[in-house]
Amino acid sequence: MLALLLPGVQVFAQEAPPEELYLTQAGSRTCTLCSATMMLRSCMYKLGDDRWQQVTEDSVAVSAWTSEGMYWNWSYSIGDNTVNVAQQGCSGITEENLRDVLDEHPEGIVLYCGGSAPHAVFLSDYEDDVFYCADPAMGYAEKRITLAESLLGDRHGGQAQILSAVSAYWYVSSHNIEDQSYLAGCKEYPTDCRIRVRWDGDAVSLPCPEGQEDSQKVFRIHSGDHFKASAFLINRDGQYWYRVGEDVYISAIDARCVPAVEQPLPDIRPETDIQENTDVVLLLLEPEIPPKNTK
């Protein structure tokens, strides 16, 4: 999920979902059901569907739950829309495979460990080699925590031990919900370039000016800052933007591409600067700026 490290300023960020998305299980045996409910809420939230708050444990139970537990494959309907959920059994899972699963299902999955003390969590995302989840169990619930901090961590040990104990996961296999998010209306072109900020401004959470379409300021940018851009976007108003991190955009008016550094990158240990009042971490590095062509 992180962009590649380059000389300059490296950014990584993720817009936190609303806390209301996370739930506490209603019964002592409904951890799997509650985790699936959070997965469906996350799916609809990321699609820009305001009905995500209507997805509750009780409404999901109608099609997903029996007295013996959750069905392997089932469908959830809301209005004229349907979300299909499937299960994949396994005997442990590697970090690499789990990252691949989350890359394919950014809404998250239900991660289940069986055995004598079975439990499930809503696995939401990862950063580097650390996985994050929302655990529906009392005392752990209603917040994003690392997988190792969950009840599974207390029962099995660290993250590696949890992954070794995974016996199944559920995921959204398909749906017919129209993507209503702002990004769905933008044209996106993958890129691999370094950009340099021309003058002071703001990085924002959507490829449009702050205050438009719920776009919010993420952090200040300053003249001379460097960022790794992973995509170039044209928004609904025909404006040009760069994506420099997950849910982080900089206007092409404020920045421009600079030549790539050809020599191998040095082994740099960046100092971490946590920006006040944000969840964004900037890795500040000494830039190696190619000499300006004066011809």
C-alpha atoms as a PDB file:
ATOM      1  CA  MET A   1       0.000   0.000   0.000  1.00  0.00           C
ATOM      2  CA  LEU A   2       2.977   2.298   0.321  1.00  0.00           C
ATOM      3  CA  ALA A   3       4.550   4.097  -2.577  1.00  0.00           C
ATOM      4  CA  LEU A   4       8.165   3.320  -3.439  1.00  0.00           C
ATOM      5  CA  LEU A   5      10.897   5.154  -1.558  1.00  0.00           C
ATOM      6  CA  LEU A   6      12.621   7.892  -3.537  1.00  0.00           C
ATOM      7  CA  PRO A   7      14.847  10.811  -2.578  1.00  0.00           C
ATOM      8  CA  GLY A   8      12.673  13.685  -1.467  1.00  0.00           C
ATOM      9  CA  VAL A   9       9.593  13.382   0.690  1.00  0.00           C
ATOM     10  CA  GLN A  10       7.793  10.054   0.886  1.00  0.00           C
ATOM     11  CA  VAL A  11       4.179  10.048   2.009  1.00  0.00           C
ATOM     12  CA  PHE A  12       1.924   7.278   3.113  1.00  0.00           C
ATOM     13  CA  ALA A  13      -1.564   7.749   4.434  1.00  0.00           C
ATOM     14  CA  GLN A  14      -4.960   6.197   4.607  1.00  0.00           C
ATOM     15  CA  GLU A  15      -8.185   8.025   5.228  1.00  0.00           C
ATOM     16  CA  ALA A  16      -9.662   6.470   8.347  1.00  0.00           C
ATOM     17  CA  PRO A  17     -13.238   5.177   7.969  1.00  0.00           C
ATOM     18  CA  PRO A  18     -15.822   6.487  10.436  1.00  0.00           C
ATOM     19  CA  GLU A  19     -15.741   4.814  13.850  1.00  0.00           C
ATOM     20  CA  GLU A  20     -19.397   3.891  13.424  1.00  0.00           C
ATOM     21  CA  LEU A  21     -18.339   1.289  10.859  1.00  0.00           C
ATOM     22  CA  TYR A  22     -16.872  -0.888  13.622  1.00  0.00           C
ATOM     23  CA  LEU A  23     -19.220  -2.973  15.773  1.00  0.00           C
ATOM     24  CA  THR A  24     -19.368  -5.134  18.901  1.00  0.00           C
ATOM     25  CA  GLN A  25     -20.824  -8.613  18.464  1.00  0.00           C
ATOM     26  CA  ALA A  26     -24.353  -8.978  19.828  1.00  0.00           C
ATOM     27  CA  GLY A  27     -23.936 -12.538  21.130  1.00  0.00           C
ATOM     28  CA  SER A  28     -21.149 -14.625  22.593  1.00  0.00           C
ATOM     29  CA  ARG A  29     -20.983 -16.818  19.457  1.00  0.00           C
ATOM     30  CA  THR A  30     -21.557 -14.245  16.704  1.00  0.00           C
ATOM     31  CA  CYS A  31     -18.006 -13.002  16.113  1.00  0.00           C
ATOM     32  CA  THR A  32     -18.049 -14.336  12.542  1.00  0.00           C
ATOM     33  CA  LEU A  33     -21.425 -12.777  11.807  1.00  0.00           C
ATOM     34  CA  CYS A  34     -20.425  -9.404  13.259  1.00  0.00           C
ATOM     35  CA  SER A  35     -17.141  -9.431  11.337  1.00  0.00           C
ATOM     36  CA  ALA A  36     -19.047 -10.154   8.115  1.00  0.00           C
ATOM     37  CA  THR A  37     -21.380  -7.263   8.911  1.00  0.00           C
ATOM     38  CA  MET A  38     -18.399  -4.912   9.205  1.00  0.00           C
ATOM     39  CA  MET A  39     -17.047  -6.248   5.905  1.00  0.00           C
ATOM     40  CA  LEU A  40     -20.323  -5.436   4.119  1.00  0.00           C
ATOM     41  CA  ARG A  41     -20.487  -1.997   5.748  1.00  0.00           C
ATOM     42  CA  SER A  42     -16.924  -1.321   4.588  1.00  0.00           C
ATOM     43  CA  CYS A  43     -17.745  -2.480   1.059  1.00  0.00           C
ATOM     44  CA  MET A  44     -20.701  -0.120   0.765  1.00  0.00           C
ATOM     45  CA  TYR A  45     -18.851   2.752   2.434  1.00  0.00           C
ATOM     46  CA  LYS A  46     -15.963   2.509  -0.039  1.00  0.00           C
ATOM     47  CA  LEU A  47     -18.470   2.486  -2.905  1.00  0.00           C
ATOM     48  CA  GLY A  48     -19.959   5.739  -1.631  1.00  0.00           C
ATOM     49  CA  ASP A  49     -23.282   4.088  -0.757  1.00  0.00           C
ATOM     50  CA  ASP A  50     -24.811   5.932   2.196  1.00  0.00           C
ATOM     51  CA  ARG A  51     -26.884   2.879   3.133  1.00  0.00           C
ATOM     52  CA  TRP A  52     -23.863   1.219   4.778  1.00  0.00           C
ATOM     53  CA  GLN A  53     -25.188   2.265   8.182  1.00  0.00           C
ATOM     54  CA  GLN A  54     -28.327   0.202   7.553  1.00  0.00           C
ATOM     55  CA  VAL A  55     -26.262  -3.012   7.455  1.00  0.00           C
ATOM     56  CA  THR A  56     -26.608  -4.560  10.915  1.00  0.00           C
ATOM     57  CA  GLU A  57     -25.842  -7.891  12.483  1.00  0.00           C
ATOM     58  CA  ASP A  58     -29.555  -8.705  12.602  1.00  0.00           C
ATOM     59  CA  SER A  59     -30.125  -7.889   8.922  1.00  0.00           C
ATOM     60  CA  VAL A  60     -27.120  -9.942   7.802  1.00  0.00           C
ATOM     61  CA  ALA A  61     -28.126 -12.890   9.994  1.00  0.00           C
ATOM     62  CA  VAL A  62     -31.276 -13.436   7.924  1.00  0.00           C
ATOM     63  CA  SER A  63     -29.252 -14.716   4.949  1.00  0.00           C
ATOM     64  CA  ALA A  64     -25.873 -15.615   6.464  1.00  0.00           C
ATOM     65  CA  TRP A  65     -26.445 -17.255   9.856  1.00  0.00           C
ATOM     66  CA  THR A  66     -27.697 -20.553  11.221  1.00  0.00           C
ATOM     67  CA  SER A  67     -27.614 -22.076  14.689  1.00  0.00           C
ATOM     68  CA  GLU A  68     -24.413 -23.842  13.623  1.00  0.00           C
ATOM     69  CA  GLY A  69     -22.652 -20.688  12.482  1.00  0.00           C
ATOM     70  CA  MET A  70     -22.188 -18.775   9.233  1.00  0.00           C
ATOM     71  CA  TYR A  71     -22.865 -20.274   5.816  1.00  0.00           C
ATOM     72  CA  TRP A  72     -19.850 -20.814   3.588  1.00  0.00           C
ATOM     73  CA  ASN A  73     -21.467 -18.942   0.688  1.00  0.00           C
ATOM     74  CA  TRP A  74     -24.385 -16.531   0.942  1.00  0.00           C
ATOM     75  CA  SER A  75     -25.897 -13.358  -0.482  1.00  0.00           C
ATOM     76  CA  TYR A  76     -27.025 -10.157   1.253  1.00  0.00           C
ATOM     77  CA  SER A  77     -29.699  -7.974  -0.321  1.00  0.00           C
ATOM     78  CA  ILE A  78     -30.419  -4.319   0.345  1.00  0.00           C
ATOM     79  CA  GLY A  79     -33.011  -2.629  -1.820  1.00  0.00           C
ATOM     80  CA  ASP A  80     -32.434  -3.729  -5.411  1.00  0.00           C
ATOM     81  CA  ASN A  81     -28.789  -4.579  -4.750  1.00  0.00           C
ATOM     82  CA  THR A  82     -27.071  -7.812  -3.801  1.00  0.00           C
ATOM     83  CA  VAL A  83     -23.648  -8.530  -2.311  1.00  0.00           C
ATOM     84  CA  ASN A  84     -22.364 -12.090  -2.711  1.00  0.00           C
ATOM     85  CA  VAL A  85     -20.006 -13.552  -0.117  1.00  0.00           C
ATOM     86  CA  ALA A  86     -17.864 -16.662  -0.457  1.00  0.00           C
ATOM     87  CA  GLN A  87     -15.598 -18.634   1.860  1.00  0.00           C
ATOM     88  CA  GLN A  88     -12.084 -19.936   1.256  1.00  0.00           C
ATOM     89  CA  GLY A  89     -10.755 -22.670   3.512  1.00  0.00           C
ATOM     90  CA  CYS A  90      -7.040 -22.912   4.274  1.00  0.00           C
ATOM     91  CA  SER A  91      -4.524 -24.414   6.658  1.00  0.00           C
ATOM     92  CA  GLY A  92      -2.688 -21.286   7.670  1.00  0.00           C
ATOM     93  CA  ILE A  93      -1.871 -18.393   5.335  1.00  0.00           C
ATOM     94  CA  THR A  94       1.349 -16.545   4.556  1.00  0.00           C
ATOM     95  CA  GLU A  95       1.786 -12.785   4.866  1.00  0.00           C
ATOM     96  CA  GLU A  96       2.369 -12.547   1.124  1.00  0.00           C
ATOM     97  CA  ASN A  97      -0.816 -14.425   0.264  1.00  0.00           C
ATOM     98  CA  LEU A  98      -2.842 -12.419   2.758  1.00  0.00           C
ATOM     99  CA  ARG A  99      -1.582  -9.148   1.295  1.00  0.00           C
ATOM    100  CA  ASP A 100      -2.626 -10.404  -2.155  1.00  0.00           C
ATOM    101  CA  VAL A 101      -6.107 -11.189  -0.828  1.00  0.00           C
ATOM    102  CA  LEU A 102      -6.474  -7.702   0.683  1.00  0.00           C
ATOM    103  CA  ASP A 103      -5.178  -6.060  -2.492  1.00  0.00           C
ATOM    104  CA  GLU A 104      -7.915  -7.883  -4.400  1.00  0.00           C
ATOM    105  CA  HIS A 105     -10.533  -7.098  -1.727  1.00  0.00           C
ATOM    106  CA  PRO A 106      -9.797  -3.598  -0.355  1.00  0.00           C
ATOM    107  CA  GLU A 107     -13.092  -3.646   1.536  1.00  0.00           C
ATOM    108  CA  GLY A 108     -11.494  -6.213   3.879  1.00  0.00           C
ATOM    109  CA  ILE A 109     -12.236  -9.832   4.729  1.00  0.00           C
ATOM    110  CA  VAL A 110     -13.434 -11.979   7.618  1.00  0.00           C
ATOM    111  CA  LEU A 111     -10.452 -13.855   9.048  1.00  0.00           C
ATOM    112  CA  TYR A 112     -11.292 -17.015  11.027  1.00  0.00           C
ATOM    113  CA  CYS A 113      -9.182 -19.215  13.290  1.00  0.00           C
ATOM    114  CA  GLY A 114     -10.841 -22.491  14.311  1.00  0.00           C
ATOM    115  CA  GLY A 115      -9.723 -25.029  16.862  1.00  0.00           C
ATOM    116  CA  SER A 116     -10.737 -25.350  20.507  1.00  0.00           C
ATOM    117  CA  ALA A 117     -11.273 -21.578  20.901  1.00  0.00           C
ATOM    118  CA  PRO A 118     -12.533 -20.327  17.522  1.00  0.00           C
ATOM    119  CA  HIS A 119     -12.746 -16.620  16.787  1.00  0.00           C
ATOM    120  CA  ALA A 120     -13.105 -14.289  13.799  1.00  0.00           C
ATOM    121  CA  VAL A 121     -12.163 -10.670  13.122  1.00  0.00           C
ATOM    122  CA  PHE A 122     -12.744  -8.187  10.318  1.00  0.00           C
ATOM    123  CA  LEU A 123      -9.314  -7.834   8.684  1.00  0.00           C
ATOM    124  CA  SER A 124      -9.328  -4.379   7.149  1.00  0.00           C
ATOM    125  CA  ASP A 125      -5.888  -3.524   5.727  1.00  0.00           C
ATOM    126  CA  TYR A 126      -2.124  -3.699   6.165  1.00  0.00           C
ATOM    127  CA  GLU A 127       0.872  -1.391   6.322  1.00  0.00           C
ATOM    128  CA  ASP A 128       4.180  -2.982   5.346  1.00  0.00           C
ATOM    129  CA  ASP A 129       4.114  -6.352   7.143  1.00  0.00           C
ATOM    130  CA  VAL A 130       1.606  -5.360   9.844  1.00  0.00           C
ATOM    131  CA  PHE A 131      -2.061  -6.356   9.451  1.00  0.00           C
ATOM    132  CA  TYR A 132      -4.928  -4.381  10.982  1.00  0.00           C
ATOM    133  CA  CYS A 133      -8.383  -5.513  12.017  1.00  0.00           C
ATOM    134  CA  ALA A 134     -11.542  -4.674  13.921  1.00  0.00           C
ATOM    135  CA  ASP A 135     -12.199  -7.314  16.578  1.00  0.00           C
ATOM    136  CA  PRO A 136     -15.911  -7.646  17.471  1.00  0.00           C
ATOM    137  CA  ALA A 137     -15.172  -9.147  20.918  1.00  0.00           C
ATOM    138  CA  MET A 138     -16.074  -7.145  24.022  1.00  0.00           C
ATOM    139  CA  GLY A 139     -13.054  -5.225  25.254  1.00  0.00           C
ATOM    140  CA  TYR A 140     -11.453  -5.130  21.813  1.00  0.00           C
ATOM    141  CA  ALA A 141     -14.300  -3.829  19.660  1.00  0.00           C
ATOM    142  CA  GLU A 142     -15.238  -0.669  17.805  1.00  0.00           C
ATOM    143  CA  LYS A 143     -11.741   0.414  16.768  1.00  0.00           C
ATOM    144  CA  ARG A 144      -8.945  -0.403  14.333  1.00  0.00           C
ATOM    145  CA  ILE A 145      -6.116  -2.324  15.982  1.00  0.00           C
ATOM    146  CA  THR A 146      -3.252  -4.517  14.855  1.00  0.00           C
ATOM    147  CA  LEU A 147      -4.052  -8.181  14.383  1.00  0.00           C
ATOM    148  CA  ALA A 148      -1.579  -9.003  17.151  1.00  0.00           C
ATOM    149  CA  GLU A 149      -3.543  -6.755  19.570  1.00  0.00           C
ATOM    150  CA  SER A 150      -6.794  -8.653  18.958  1.00  0.00           C
ATOM    151  CA  LEU A 151      -8.266 -11.498  20.978  1.00  0.00           C
ATOM    152  CA  LEU A 152      -6.615 -13.805  18.446  1.00  0.00           C
ATOM    153  CA  GLY A 153      -3.276 -12.383  19.523  1.00  0.00           C
ATOM    154  CA  ASP A 154      -4.020 -13.132  23.175  1.00  0.00           C
ATOM    155  CA  ARG A 155      -4.957 -16.701  22.264  1.00  0.00           C
ATOM    156  CA  HIS A 156      -2.307 -17.560  19.698  1.00  0.00           C
ATOM    157  CA  GLY A 157       0.574 -15.163  20.278  1.00  0.00           C
ATOM    158  CA  GLY A 158       1.966 -12.751  17.696  1.00  0.00           C
ATOM    159  CA  GLN A 159       0.880 -12.115  14.132  1.00  0.00           C
ATOM    160  CA  ALA A 160       2.874 -15.026  12.719  1.00  0.00           C
ATOM    161  CA  GLN A 161       1.202 -17.486  15.093  1.00  0.00           C
ATOM    162  CA  ILE A 162      -2.241 -16.128  14.218  1.00  0.00           C
ATOM    163  CA  LEU A 163      -1.648 -16.551  10.487  1.00  0.00           C
ATOM    164  CA  SER A 164      -0.504 -20.118  11.073  1.00  0.00           C
ATOM    165  CA  ALA A 165      -3.809 -20.816  12.839  1.00  0.00           C
ATOM    166  CA  VAL A 166      -6.084 -19.332  10.130  1.00  0.00           C
ATOM    167  CA  SER A 167      -8.487 -21.982   8.843  1.00  0.00           C
ATOM    168  CA  ALA A 168     -10.799 -19.912   6.609  1.00  0.00           C
ATOM    169  CA  TYR A 169     -11.727 -16.452   5.426  1.00  0.00           C
ATOM    170  CA  TRP A 170     -14.837 -14.927   3.867  1.00  0.00           C
ATOM    171  CA  TYR A 171     -14.725 -12.261   1.175  1.00  0.00           C
ATOM    172  CA  VAL A 172     -17.025 -10.284  -1.138  1.00  0.00           C
ATOM    173  CA  SER A 173     -17.032 -12.297  -4.359  1.00  0.00           C
ATOM    174  CA  SER A 174     -19.280  -9.936  -6.357  1.00  0.00           C
ATOM    175  CA  HIS A 175     -21.931  -7.239  -6.063  1.00  0.00           C
ATOM    176  CA  ASN A 176     -24.159  -5.083  -8.263  1.00  0.00           C
ATOM    177  CA  ILE A 177     -23.854  -1.846  -6.283  1.00  0.00           C
ATOM    178  CA  GLU A 178     -22.934   1.090  -8.478  1.00  0.00           C
ATOM    179  CA  ASP A 179     -19.755   2.834  -7.439  1.00  0.00           C
ATOM    180  CA  GLN A 180     -20.973   6.286  -6.406  1.00  0.00           C
ATOM    181  CA  SER A 181     -17.674   7.535  -5.040  1.00  0.00           C
ATOM    182  CA  TYR A 182     -16.137  10.692  -6.477  1.00  0.00           C
ATOM    183  CA  LEU A 183     -13.160   8.741  -7.811  1.00  0.00           C
ATOM    184  CA  ALA A 184     -15.462   6.628  -9.982  1.00  0.00           C
ATOM    185  CA  GLY A 185     -16.094   9.708 -12.126  1.00  0.00           C
ATOM    186  CA  CYS A 186     -12.399  10.526 -12.601  1.00  0.00           C
ATOM    187  CA  LYS A 187     -10.096   9.303 -15.336  1.00  0.00           C
ATOM    188  CA  GLU A 188      -6.999   7.670 -13.893  1.00  0.00           C
ATOM    189  CA  TYR A 189      -3.704   6.908 -15.604  1.00  0.00           C
ATOM    190  CA  PRO A 190      -1.017   4.908 -13.762  1.00  0.00           C
ATOM    191  CA  THR A 191       2.336   6.645 -13.658  1.00  0.00           C
ATOM    192  CA  ASP A 192       5.726   6.236 -12.057  1.00  0.00           C
ATOM    193  CA  CYS A 193       7.305   9.624 -11.601  1.00  0.00           C
ATOM    194  CA  ARG A 194       8.692  11.994  -9.047  1.00  0.00           C
ATOM    195  CA  ILE A 195       7.054  15.395  -8.651  1.00  0.00           C
ATOM    196  CA  ARG A 196       8.408  18.596  -7.132  1.00  0.00           C
ATOM    197  CA  VAL A 197       6.133  21.137  -5.447  1.00  0.00           C
ATOM    198  CA  ARG A 198       6.334  24.566  -7.070  1.00  0.00           C
ATOM    199  CA  TRP A 199       4.824  26.597  -4.226  1.00  0.00           C
ATOM    200  CA  ASP A 200       3.191  26.141  -0.835  1.00  0.00           C
ATOM    201  CA  GLY A 201      -0.258  24.564  -0.753  1.00  0.00           C
ATOM    202  CA  ASP A 202      -2.222  21.606   0.560  1.00  0.00           C
ATOM    203  CA  ALA A 203      -2.425  17.899  -0.171  1.00  0.00           C
ATOM    204  CA  VAL A 204      -6.059  16.798  -0.060  1.00  0.00           C
ATOM    205  CA  SER A 205      -8.036  13.570   0.339  1.00  0.00           C
ATOM    206  CA  LEU A 206      -9.741  13.669  -3.106  1.00  0.00           C
ATOM    207  CA  PRO A 207      -8.553  14.908  -6.512  1.00  0.00           C
ATOM    208  CA  CYS A 208     -10.499  18.157  -6.215  1.00  0.00           C
ATOM    209  CA  PRO A 209     -10.150  21.387  -4.203  1.00  0.00           C
ATOM    210  CA  GLU A 210     -10.626  21.314  -0.434  1.00  0.00           C
ATOM    211  CA  GLY A 211     -14.287  21.633   0.536  1.00  0.00           C
ATOM    212  CA  GLN A 212     -15.568  20.207  -2.749  1.00  0.00           C
ATOM    213  CA  GLU A 213     -17.098  16.697  -2.708  1.00  0.00           C
ATOM    214  CA  ASP A 214     -15.950  16.119   0.909  1.00  0.00           C
ATOM    215  CA  SER A 215     -12.331  16.728  -0.052  1.00  0.00           C
ATOM    216  CA  GLN A 216     -10.336  17.553   3.081  1.00  0.00           C
ATOM    217  CA  LYS A 217      -6.891  18.952   3.746  1.00  0.00           C
ATOM    218  CA  VAL A 218      -4.477  16.138   4.659  1.00  0.00           C
ATOM    219  CA  PHE A 219      -1.293  18.145   5.253  1.00  0.00           C
ATOM    220  CA  ARG A 220       0.624  21.217   4.053  1.00  0.00           C
ATOM    221  CA  ILE A 221       3.052  20.969   1.144  1.00  0.00           C
ATOM    222  CA  HIS A 222       5.935  23.357   0.633  1.00  0.00           C
ATOM    223  CA  SER A 223       7.935  24.615  -2.313  1.00  0.00           C
ATOM    224  CA  GLY A 224      10.737  22.165  -3.067  1.00  0.00           C
ATOM    225  CA  ASP A 225       9.062  19.115  -1.491  1.00  0.00           C
ATOM    226  CA  HIS A 226       9.369  15.898  -3.513  1.00  0.00           C
ATOM    227  CA  PHE A 227       6.774  13.115  -3.768  1.00  0.00           C
ATOM    228  CA  LYS A 228       6.462   9.778  -5.529  1.00  0.00           C
ATOM    229  CA  ALA A 229       3.373   9.883  -7.781  1.00  0.00           C
ATOM    230  CA  SER A 230       1.636   6.594  -8.572  1.00  0.00           C
ATOM    231  CA  ALA A 231      -1.184   7.950 -10.743  1.00  0.00           C
ATOM    232  CA  PHE A 232      -2.233  10.966 -12.797  1.00  0.00           C
ATOM    233  CA  LEU A 233      -5.947  11.843 -12.664  1.00  0.00           C
ATOM    234  CA  ILE A 234      -8.344  14.081 -14.555  1.00  0.00           C
ATOM    235  CA  ASN A 235     -11.304  14.884 -12.321  1.00  0.00           C
ATOM    236  CA  ARG A 236     -14.900  15.546 -13.263  1.00  0.00           C
ATOM    237  CA  ASP A 237     -14.138  19.246 -13.868  1.00  0.00           C
ATOM    238  CA  GLY A 238     -11.192  18.510 -16.154  1.00  0.00           C
ATOM    239  CA  GLN A 239      -8.583  19.436 -13.532  1.00  0.00           C
ATOM    240  CA  TYR A 240      -5.282  17.521 -13.323  1.00  0.00           C
ATOM    241  CA  TRP A 241      -4.066  15.848 -10.113  1.00  0.00           C
ATOM    242  CA  TYR A 242      -1.332  13.508  -8.876  1.00  0.00           C
ATOM    243  CA  ARG A 243      -1.881  10.674  -6.401  1.00  0.00           C
ATOM    244  CA  VAL A 244       1.051  10.566  -3.957  1.00  0.00           C
ATOM    245  CA  GLY A 245      -0.396   8.163  -1.377  1.00  0.00           C
ATOM    246  CA  GLU A 246      -3.572   6.324  -0.522  1.00  0.00           C
ATOM    247  CA  ASP A 247      -6.261   9.031  -0.324  1.00  0.00           C
ATOM    248  CA  VAL A 248      -3.637  11.773  -0.832  1.00  0.00           C
ATOM    249  CA  TYR A 249      -3.642  14.056  -3.906  1.00  0.00           C
ATOM    250  CA  ILE A 250      -1.723  17.119  -5.083  1.00  0.00           C
ATOM    251  CA  SER A 251      -2.912  19.454  -7.831  1.00  0.00           C
ATOM    252  CA  ALA A 252      -0.834  19.477 -11.005  1.00  0.00           C
ATOM    253  CA  ILE A 253      -0.959  23.261 -10.762  1.00  0.00           C
ATOM    254  CA  ASP A 254       1.066  23.057  -7.550  1.00  0.00           C
ATOM    255  CA  ALA A 255       3.623  20.478  -8.728  1.00  0.00           C
ATOM    256  CA  ARG A 256       5.393  19.195 -11.818  1.00  0.00           C
ATOM    257  CA  CYS A 257       7.317  16.086 -12.823  1.00  0.00           C
ATOM    258  CA  VAL A 258      11.086  16.102 -12.473  1.00  0.00           C
ATOM    259  CA  PRO A 259      13.594  13.731 -14.110  1.00  0.00           C
ATOM    260  CA  ALA A 260      14.031  10.368 -12.446  1.00  0.00           C
ATOM    261  CA  VAL A 261      17.221   9.725 -10.528  1.00  0.00           C
ATOM    262  CA  GLU A 262      19.253   7.278 -12.583  1.00  0.00           C
ATOM    263  CA  GLN A 263      21.863   6.222 -10.007  1.00  0.00           C
ATOM    264  CA  PRO A 264      21.068   3.507  -7.400  1.00  0.00           C
ATOM    265  CA  LEU A 265      19.308   4.868  -4.361  1.00  0.00           C
ATOM    266  CA  PRO A 266      21.415   5.123  -1.181  1.00  0.00           C
ATOM    267  CA  ASP A 267      20.561   3.141   1.938  1.00  0.00           C
ATOM    268  CA  ILE A 268      18.864   5.938   3.879  1.00  0.00           C
ATOM    269  CA  ARG A 269      17.320   5.647   7.319  1.00  0.00           C
ATOM    270  CA  PRO A 270      14.614   8.341   7.332  1.00  0.00           C
ATOM    271  CA  GLU A 271      13.625  10.303  10.377  1.00  0.00           C
ATOM    272  CA  THR A 272       9.889  10.124  11.086  1.00  0.00           C
ATOM    273  CA  ASP A 273       7.948  13.327  11.553  1.00  0.00           C
ATOM    274  CA  ILE A 274       4.343  12.817  12.679  1.00  0.00           C
ATOM    275  CA  GLN A 275       2.280  15.780  11.619  1.00  0.00           C
ATOM    276  CA  GLU A 276       0.115  17.210  14.381  1.00  0.00           C
ATOM    277  CA  ASN A 277      -3.663  16.634  14.096  1.00  0.00           C
ATOM    278  CA  THR A 278      -3.336  14.152  11.222  1.00  0.00           C
ATOM    279  CA  ASP A 279      -2.833  10.444  10.779  1.00  0.00           C
ATOM    280  CA  VAL A 280      -0.313  11.101   8.023  1.00  0.00           C
ATOM    281  CA  VAL A 281       3.358  10.228   8.479  1.00  0.00           C
ATOM    282  CA  LEU A 282       5.976  11.997   6.379  1.00  0.00           C
ATOM    283  CA  LEU A 283       9.369  10.418   5.845  1.00  0.00           C
ATOM    284  CA  LEU A 284      11.703  13.357   5.414  1.00  0.00           C
ATOM    285  CA  LEU A 285      14.821  12.679   3.336  1.00  0.00           C
ATOM    286  CA  GLU A 286      17.537  14.863   1.911  1.00  0.00           C
ATOM    287  CA  PRO A 287      16.562  15.301  -1.764  1.00  0.00           C
ATOM    288  CA  GLU A 288      18.944  14.672  -4.631  1.00  0.00           C
ATOM    289  CA  ILE A 289      17.635  17.118  -7.230  1.00  0.00           C
ATOM    290  CA  PRO A 290      19.072  16.822 -10.748  1.00  0.00           C
ATOM    291  CA  PRO A 291      20.781  20.051 -11.925  1.00  0.00           C
ATOM    292  CA  LYS A 292      18.514  22.413 -13.775  1.00  0.00           C
ATOM    293  CA  ASN A 293      18.992  22.501 -17.542  1.00  0.00           C
ATOM    294  CA  THR A 294      19.913  26.098 -18.347  1.00  0.00           C
ATOM    295  CA  LYS A 295      20.293  25.598 -22.070  1.00  0.00           C
END
